[in-house]
């Protein structure tokens, strides 16, 4: 098994009243390609 290089446990991120992530948990292992995208594909919120 490859080493875990990123690990989250119940990660929550808020921007004012907007909740971008709500208690997400995941691991990323060495050699994996990982992307975390928002609704618009840019990983950020536009107003």
N, C-alpha and C. Protein backbone atom coordinates (compact mmCIF):
# COMPACT_ATOMS: atom_id res chain seq x y z
N UNK A 1 0.85 -1.19 0.00
CA UNK A 1 0.00 0.00 0.00
C UNK A 1 0.89 1.25 0.00
N UNK A 2 0.49 2.26 -0.75
CA UNK A 2 1.26 3.49 -0.84
C UNK A 2 0.99 4.39 0.37
N UNK A 3 1.96 5.22 0.68
CA UNK A 3 1.86 6.13 1.82
C UNK A 3 0.75 7.17 1.60
N UNK A 4 0.07 7.52 2.67
CA UNK A 4 -0.92 8.61 2.64
C UNK A 4 -0.15 9.92 2.71
N UNK A 5 -0.39 10.82 1.72
CA UNK A 5 0.30 12.11 1.71
C UNK A 5 -0.62 13.26 2.08
N UNK A 6 -1.93 13.06 1.96
CA UNK A 6 -2.94 14.05 2.40
C UNK A 6 -4.06 13.27 3.07
N UNK A 7 -4.48 13.75 4.23
CA UNK A 7 -5.56 13.11 4.95
C UNK A 7 -6.45 14.18 5.58
N UNK A 8 -7.75 14.05 5.40
CA UNK A 8 -8.69 14.97 6.05
C UNK A 8 -9.70 14.15 6.84
N UNK A 9 -10.20 14.74 7.90
CA UNK A 9 -11.22 14.09 8.71
C UNK A 9 -12.24 15.15 9.12
N UNK A 10 -13.43 15.05 8.56
CA UNK A 10 -14.54 15.96 8.86
C UNK A 10 -14.17 17.42 8.56
N UNK A 11 -13.56 17.65 7.39
CA UNK A 11 -13.16 18.99 6.97
C UNK A 11 -14.39 19.82 6.59
N UNK A 12 -14.53 20.97 7.21
CA UNK A 12 -15.61 21.91 6.89
C UNK A 12 -14.98 23.27 6.59
N UNK A 13 -15.43 23.89 5.50
CA UNK A 13 -14.95 25.23 5.12
C UNK A 13 -16.16 26.09 4.79
N UNK A 14 -16.23 27.25 5.43
CA UNK A 14 -17.34 28.18 5.21
C UNK A 14 -16.81 29.52 4.73
N UNK A 15 -17.58 30.16 3.87
CA UNK A 15 -17.31 31.52 3.43
C UNK A 15 -18.56 32.32 3.78
N UNK A 16 -18.56 32.98 4.93
CA UNK A 16 -19.78 33.64 5.40
C UNK A 16 -20.83 32.59 5.69
N UNK A 17 -22.00 32.72 5.07
CA UNK A 17 -23.09 31.75 5.24
C UNK A 17 -22.98 30.57 4.28
N UNK A 18 -22.09 30.65 3.29
CA UNK A 18 -21.94 29.59 2.29
C UNK A 18 -21.03 28.48 2.84
N UNK A 19 -21.51 27.25 2.81
CA UNK A 19 -20.71 26.10 3.24
C UNK A 19 -20.12 25.44 2.00
N UNK A 20 -18.81 25.56 1.84
CA UNK A 20 -18.12 25.00 0.66
C UNK A 20 -17.92 23.49 0.80
N UNK A 21 -17.50 23.03 1.98
CA UNK A 21 -17.39 21.60 2.28
C UNK A 21 -18.01 21.37 3.64
N UNK A 22 -18.64 20.22 3.80
CA UNK A 22 -19.34 19.93 5.04
C UNK A 22 -18.92 18.55 5.56
N UNK A 23 -17.93 18.54 6.44
CA UNK A 23 -17.45 17.32 7.10
C UNK A 23 -17.03 16.24 6.11
N UNK A 24 -16.18 16.59 5.13
CA UNK A 24 -15.69 15.58 4.19
C UNK A 24 -14.44 14.91 4.76
N UNK A 25 -14.29 13.65 4.46
CA UNK A 25 -13.16 12.86 4.92
C UNK A 25 -12.60 12.09 3.73
N UNK A 26 -11.29 12.17 3.51
CA UNK A 26 -10.65 11.40 2.44
C UNK A 26 -9.15 11.33 2.67
N UNK A 27 -8.51 10.38 1.98
CA UNK A 27 -7.06 10.23 1.96
C UNK A 27 -6.60 10.27 0.51
N UNK A 28 -5.43 10.85 0.29
CA UNK A 28 -4.77 10.82 -1.01
C UNK A 28 -3.44 10.10 -0.80
N UNK A 29 -3.19 9.09 -1.62
CA UNK A 29 -1.98 8.28 -1.48
C UNK A 29 -0.91 8.73 -2.46
N UNK A 30 0.33 8.45 -2.13
CA UNK A 30 1.47 8.79 -2.98
C UNK A 30 1.24 8.25 -4.39
N UNK A 31 1.48 9.08 -5.38
CA UNK A 31 1.33 8.68 -6.78
C UNK A 31 -0.04 8.92 -7.36
N UNK A 32 -1.03 9.23 -6.54
CA UNK A 32 -2.38 9.51 -7.04
C UNK A 32 -2.47 10.94 -7.55
N UNK A 33 -3.33 11.14 -8.53
CA UNK A 33 -3.66 12.48 -9.01
C UNK A 33 -5.05 12.78 -8.46
N UNK A 34 -5.15 13.89 -7.74
CA UNK A 34 -6.38 14.21 -7.02
C UNK A 34 -6.79 15.64 -7.30
N UNK A 35 -8.06 15.86 -7.58
CA UNK A 35 -8.58 17.21 -7.75
C UNK A 35 -9.87 17.37 -6.97
N UNK A 36 -10.03 18.50 -6.37
CA UNK A 36 -11.25 18.79 -5.61
C UNK A 36 -11.84 20.05 -6.20
N UNK A 37 -12.93 19.91 -6.95
CA UNK A 37 -13.49 21.01 -7.71
C UNK A 37 -14.83 21.45 -7.15
N UNK A 38 -15.11 22.73 -7.29
CA UNK A 38 -16.40 23.27 -6.89
C UNK A 38 -17.43 23.09 -8.01
N UNK A 39 -18.61 23.62 -7.77
CA UNK A 39 -19.72 23.46 -8.71
C UNK A 39 -19.40 24.03 -10.09
N UNK A 40 -18.60 25.09 -10.15
CA UNK A 40 -18.26 25.68 -11.44
C UNK A 40 -16.96 25.12 -12.00
N UNK A 41 -16.39 24.11 -11.35
CA UNK A 41 -15.18 23.47 -11.84
C UNK A 41 -13.90 24.17 -11.48
N UNK A 42 -13.98 25.32 -10.82
CA UNK A 42 -12.78 26.10 -10.52
C UNK A 42 -12.34 25.96 -9.07
N UNK A 43 -13.10 25.26 -8.26
CA UNK A 43 -12.75 25.10 -6.87
C UNK A 43 -12.95 26.36 -6.05
N UNK A 44 -13.75 27.26 -6.56
CA UNK A 44 -14.06 28.49 -5.81
C UNK A 44 -15.47 28.94 -6.15
N UNK A 45 -15.97 29.82 -5.36
CA UNK A 45 -17.34 30.30 -5.53
C UNK A 45 -17.33 31.66 -6.22
N UNK A 46 -18.18 31.82 -7.21
CA UNK A 46 -18.34 33.11 -7.88
C UNK A 46 -19.69 33.71 -7.55
N UNK A 47 -19.71 35.02 -7.44
CA UNK A 47 -20.97 35.69 -7.13
C UNK A 47 -21.45 36.50 -8.31
